[in-house]
Amino acid sequence: MKMPLVDPVAQAEDQELNALITFYEETLGFCPNSVLTMYHRPRIAYAFIEMNKAVMENKGRVTSALKRLIAYVKANQQDTIDACYGFYETKDMKSCDGAKMYLKYDGGRLMPDYMCDNIINLATDFDHFIKLHAAGK
């Protein structure tokens, strides 16, 4: 495992930031390391938190749950590609546990994006995506 260039702060001295850390722990179950790392520059930490709040506002048809799912998909994309195609040497996307989860919960709508950003714009549906991936496009 690689060591971080900047360690997250263990305890924030800023009471307002501590309140936000507590909020994250209560709502997400943890405080993202990015917030704790950004605390070295409190203005950046606050700006990041405000941006996150703005993104998570529900002013349209995209729910908070779907936004979190999309964030999770993007955060785990490379690990899943490596796991499905590299480390386990399988060509069957559906054999990947992460892939099964997304097929189950979103009917495969996020699957192409989850698996490979560089061909998502070419694919018209999941089967087309499989063909493009097999062809190395």
C-alpha atoms as a PDB file:
ATOM      1  CA  MET A   1       0.000   0.000   0.000  1.00  0.00           C
ATOM      2  CA  LYS A   2       1.297   3.441  -0.902  1.00  0.00           C
ATOM      3  CA  MET A   3       1.807   5.968   1.862  1.00  0.00           C
ATOM      4  CA  PRO A   4      -0.043   9.278   1.486  1.00  0.00           C
ATOM      5  CA  LEU A   5       1.939  12.407   0.697  1.00  0.00           C
ATOM      6  CA  VAL A   6      -0.152  14.318   3.246  1.00  0.00           C
ATOM      7  CA  ASP A   7      -1.557  12.564   6.302  1.00  0.00           C
ATOM      8  CA  PRO A   8      -5.142  13.332   7.367  1.00  0.00           C
ATOM      9  CA  VAL A   9      -5.409  15.303  10.602  1.00  0.00           C
ATOM     10  CA  ALA A  10      -6.218  13.140  13.611  1.00  0.00           C
ATOM     11  CA  GLN A  11      -8.211  15.806  15.466  1.00  0.00           C
ATOM     12  CA  ALA A  12      -9.372  19.157  14.121  1.00  0.00           C
ATOM     13  CA  GLU A  13      -8.933  22.161  16.390  1.00  0.00           C
ATOM     14  CA  ASP A  14     -11.674  24.117  14.607  1.00  0.00           C
ATOM     15  CA  GLN A  15     -15.028  23.556  16.379  1.00  0.00           C
ATOM     16  CA  GLU A  16     -17.064  24.240  13.227  1.00  0.00           C
ATOM     17  CA  LEU A  17     -15.015  21.712  11.273  1.00  0.00           C
ATOM     18  CA  ASN A  18     -15.373  19.212  14.132  1.00  0.00           C
ATOM     19  CA  ALA A  19     -19.146  19.646  13.872  1.00  0.00           C
ATOM     20  CA  LEU A  20     -18.967  18.889  10.143  1.00  0.00           C
ATOM     21  CA  ILE A  21     -16.786  15.842  10.807  1.00  0.00           C
ATOM     22  CA  THR A  22     -19.391  14.632  13.305  1.00  0.00           C
ATOM     23  CA  PHE A  23     -22.115  15.273  10.705  1.00  0.00           C
ATOM     24  CA  TYR A  24     -20.275  13.130   8.142  1.00  0.00           C
ATOM     25  CA  GLU A  25     -19.744  10.368  10.699  1.00  0.00           C
ATOM     26  CA  GLU A  26     -23.442  10.361  11.574  1.00  0.00           C
ATOM     27  CA  THR A  27     -24.741  10.514   7.995  1.00  0.00           C
ATOM     28  CA  LEU A  28     -22.136   8.474   6.099  1.00  0.00           C
ATOM     29  CA  GLY A  29     -20.718   6.421   8.956  1.00  0.00           C
ATOM     30  CA  PHE A  30     -17.265   7.971   8.428  1.00  0.00           C
ATOM     31  CA  CYS A  31     -15.614  11.253   7.582  1.00  0.00           C
ATOM     32  CA  PRO A  32     -13.903  11.138   4.175  1.00  0.00           C
ATOM     33  CA  ASN A  33     -10.115  11.278   4.402  1.00  0.00           C
ATOM     34  CA  SER A  34     -10.205  14.010   1.782  1.00  0.00           C
ATOM     35  CA  VAL A  35     -11.877  16.362   4.285  1.00  0.00           C
ATOM     36  CA  LEU A  36      -9.403  15.424   7.008  1.00  0.00           C
ATOM     37  CA  THR A  37      -6.487  15.915   4.634  1.00  0.00           C
ATOM     38  CA  MET A  38      -7.809  19.227   3.342  1.00  0.00           C
ATOM     39  CA  TYR A  39      -8.051  20.480   6.916  1.00  0.00           C
ATOM     40  CA  HIS A  40      -4.377  21.364   6.665  1.00  0.00           C
ATOM     41  CA  ARG A  41      -5.789  24.229   4.586  1.00  0.00           C
ATOM     42  CA  PRO A  42      -9.145  24.972   6.296  1.00  0.00           C
ATOM     43  CA  ARG A  43     -10.432  27.253   3.510  1.00  0.00           C
ATOM     44  CA  ILE A  44     -10.011  24.382   1.059  1.00  0.00           C
ATOM     45  CA  ALA A  45     -11.782  21.985   3.447  1.00  0.00           C
ATOM     46  CA  TYR A  46     -14.729  24.360   3.832  1.00  0.00           C
ATOM     47  CA  ALA A  47     -14.926  25.002   0.078  1.00  0.00           C
ATOM     48  CA  PHE A  48     -14.925  21.244  -0.585  1.00  0.00           C
ATOM     49  CA  ILE A  49     -17.666  20.685   1.985  1.00  0.00           C
ATOM     50  CA  GLU A  50     -19.785  23.483   0.491  1.00  0.00           C
ATOM     51  CA  MET A  51     -19.302  22.047  -2.995  1.00  0.00           C
ATOM     52  CA  ASN A  52     -20.373  18.622  -1.707  1.00  0.00           C
ATOM     53  CA  LYS A  53     -23.480  20.111  -0.093  1.00  0.00           C
ATOM     54  CA  ALA A  54     -24.377  21.898  -3.344  1.00  0.00           C
ATOM     55  CA  VAL A  55     -23.980  18.694  -5.359  1.00  0.00           C
ATOM     56  CA  MET A  56     -26.110  16.708  -2.921  1.00  0.00           C
ATOM     57  CA  GLU A  57     -29.018  19.199  -2.916  1.00  0.00           C
ATOM     58  CA  ASN A  58     -32.073  17.620  -4.484  1.00  0.00           C
ATOM     59  CA  LYS A  59     -33.337  20.273  -6.875  1.00  0.00           C
ATOM     60  CA  GLY A  60     -33.882  17.956  -9.812  1.00  0.00           C
ATOM     61  CA  ARG A  61     -34.812  14.383 -10.584  1.00  0.00           C
ATOM     62  CA  VAL A  62     -31.497  12.832  -9.500  1.00  0.00           C
ATOM     63  CA  THR A  63     -31.811  11.570  -5.927  1.00  0.00           C
ATOM     64  CA  SER A  64     -29.106  11.718  -3.275  1.00  0.00           C
ATOM     65  CA  ALA A  65     -28.970   7.925  -3.313  1.00  0.00           C
ATOM     66  CA  LEU A  66     -28.245   7.856  -7.060  1.00  0.00           C
ATOM     67  CA  LYS A  67     -25.629  10.592  -6.653  1.00  0.00           C
ATOM     68  CA  ARG A  68     -23.885   8.512  -3.970  1.00  0.00           C
ATOM     69  CA  LEU A  69     -24.079   5.431  -6.203  1.00  0.00           C
ATOM     70  CA  ILE A  70     -22.515   7.333  -9.105  1.00  0.00           C
ATOM     71  CA  ALA A  71     -19.748   8.590  -6.811  1.00  0.00           C
ATOM     72  CA  TYR A  72     -19.139   5.049  -5.588  1.00  0.00           C
ATOM     73  CA  VAL A  73     -19.058   3.721  -9.139  1.00  0.00           C
ATOM     74  CA  LYS A  74     -16.518   6.309 -10.235  1.00  0.00           C
ATOM     75  CA  ALA A  75     -14.363   5.854  -7.144  1.00  0.00           C
ATOM     76  CA  ASN A  76     -14.161   2.099  -7.640  1.00  0.00           C
ATOM     77  CA  GLN A  77     -13.957   2.045 -11.421  1.00  0.00           C
ATOM     78  CA  GLN A  78     -10.253   1.342 -11.846  1.00  0.00           C
ATOM     79  CA  ASP A  79     -10.151  -1.231  -9.047  1.00  0.00           C
ATOM     80  CA  THR A  80     -13.022  -3.100 -10.676  1.00  0.00           C
ATOM     81  CA  ILE A  81     -11.428  -3.055 -14.105  1.00  0.00           C
ATOM     82  CA  ASP A  82      -8.222  -4.424 -12.593  1.00  0.00           C
ATOM     83  CA  ALA A  83     -10.093  -7.060 -10.603  1.00  0.00           C
ATOM     84  CA  CYS A  84     -12.295  -8.192 -13.476  1.00  0.00           C
ATOM     85  CA  TYR A  85      -9.702  -8.198 -16.226  1.00  0.00           C
ATOM     86  CA  GLY A  86      -6.229  -8.054 -14.771  1.00  0.00           C
ATOM     87  CA  PHE A  87      -5.738  -9.859 -11.515  1.00  0.00           C
ATOM     88  CA  TYR A  88      -8.255 -12.649 -12.075  1.00  0.00           C
ATOM     89  CA  GLU A  89      -7.722 -12.919 -15.838  1.00  0.00           C
ATOM     90  CA  THR A  90     -11.395 -13.288 -16.662  1.00  0.00           C
ATOM     91  CA  LYS A  91     -13.146 -11.953 -19.727  1.00  0.00           C
ATOM     92  CA  ASP A  92     -16.599 -12.303 -18.181  1.00  0.00           C
ATOM     93  CA  MET A  93     -17.657  -8.959 -16.677  1.00  0.00           C
ATOM     94  CA  LYS A  94     -20.604 -10.519 -14.933  1.00  0.00           C
ATOM     95  CA  SER A  95     -18.288 -12.719 -12.847  1.00  0.00           C
ATOM     96  CA  CYS A  96     -17.012  -9.655 -11.003  1.00  0.00           C
ATOM     97  CA  ASP A  97     -18.807  -9.142  -7.660  1.00  0.00           C
ATOM     98  CA  GLY A  98     -18.871  -5.373  -8.159  1.00  0.00           C
ATOM     99  CA  ALA A  99     -20.434  -5.820 -11.560  1.00  0.00           C
ATOM    100  CA  LYS A 100     -23.124  -8.111 -10.121  1.00  0.00           C
ATOM    101  CA  MET A 101     -23.964  -5.499  -7.515  1.00  0.00           C
ATOM    102  CA  TYR A 102     -24.549  -2.814 -10.137  1.00  0.00           C
ATOM    103  CA  LEU A 103     -26.562  -5.090 -12.370  1.00  0.00           C
ATOM    104  CA  LYS A 104     -28.742  -5.934  -9.364  1.00  0.00           C
ATOM    105  CA  TYR A 105     -29.289  -2.398  -8.060  1.00  0.00           C
ATOM    106  CA  ASP A 106     -29.457  -0.258 -11.165  1.00  0.00           C
ATOM    107  CA  GLY A 107     -30.393  -2.737 -13.870  1.00  0.00           C
ATOM    108  CA  GLY A 108     -27.063  -2.228 -15.585  1.00  0.00           C
ATOM    109  CA  ARG A 109     -27.624   1.460 -16.393  1.00  0.00           C
ATOM    110  CA  LEU A 110     -24.318   2.457 -14.766  1.00  0.00           C
ATOM    111  CA  MET A 111     -22.479  -0.719 -15.736  1.00  0.00           C
ATOM    112  CA  PRO A 112     -20.793   0.573 -18.897  1.00  0.00           C
ATOM    113  CA  ASP A 113     -19.560   3.678 -17.089  1.00  0.00           C
ATOM    114  CA  TYR A 114     -18.535   1.554 -14.129  1.00  0.00           C
ATOM    115  CA  MET A 115     -16.457  -0.737 -16.280  1.00  0.00           C
ATOM    116  CA  CYS A 116     -14.683   1.574 -18.689  1.00  0.00           C
ATOM    117  CA  ASP A 117     -14.940   5.321 -19.270  1.00  0.00           C
ATOM    118  CA  ASN A 118     -13.094   5.353 -22.572  1.00  0.00           C
ATOM    119  CA  ILE A 119     -15.692   3.378 -24.529  1.00  0.00           C
ATOM    120  CA  ILE A 120     -18.877   4.430 -22.769  1.00  0.00           C
ATOM    121  CA  ASN A 121     -19.572   7.156 -25.303  1.00  0.00           C
ATOM    122  CA  LEU A 122     -19.409   4.653 -28.164  1.00  0.00           C
ATOM    123  CA  ALA A 123     -21.690   2.031 -26.609  1.00  0.00           C
ATOM    124  CA  THR A 124     -25.424   2.162 -27.247  1.00  0.00           C
ATOM    125  CA  ASP A 125     -26.331  -0.526 -24.709  1.00  0.00           C
ATOM    126  CA  PHE A 126     -24.695  -3.129 -22.473  1.00  0.00           C
ATOM    127  CA  ASP A 127     -24.367  -5.809 -25.186  1.00  0.00           C
ATOM    128  CA  HIS A 128     -22.822  -3.273 -27.569  1.00  0.00           C
ATOM    129  CA  PHE A 129     -20.430  -2.299 -24.770  1.00  0.00           C
ATOM    130  CA  ILE A 130     -19.369  -5.960 -24.387  1.00  0.00           C
ATOM    131  CA  LYS A 131     -18.685  -6.206 -28.129  1.00  0.00           C
ATOM    132  CA  LEU A 132     -16.690  -2.957 -28.149  1.00  0.00           C
ATOM    133  CA  HIS A 133     -14.672  -4.068 -25.141  1.00  0.00           C
ATOM    134  CA  ALA A 134     -13.961  -7.471 -26.693  1.00  0.00           C
ATOM    135  CA  ALA A 135     -12.787  -5.729 -29.870  1.00  0.00           C
ATOM    136  CA  GLY A 136     -10.436  -3.556 -27.824  1.00  0.00           C
ATOM    137  CA  LYS A 137     -12.070  -0.261 -28.792  1.00  0.00           C
END
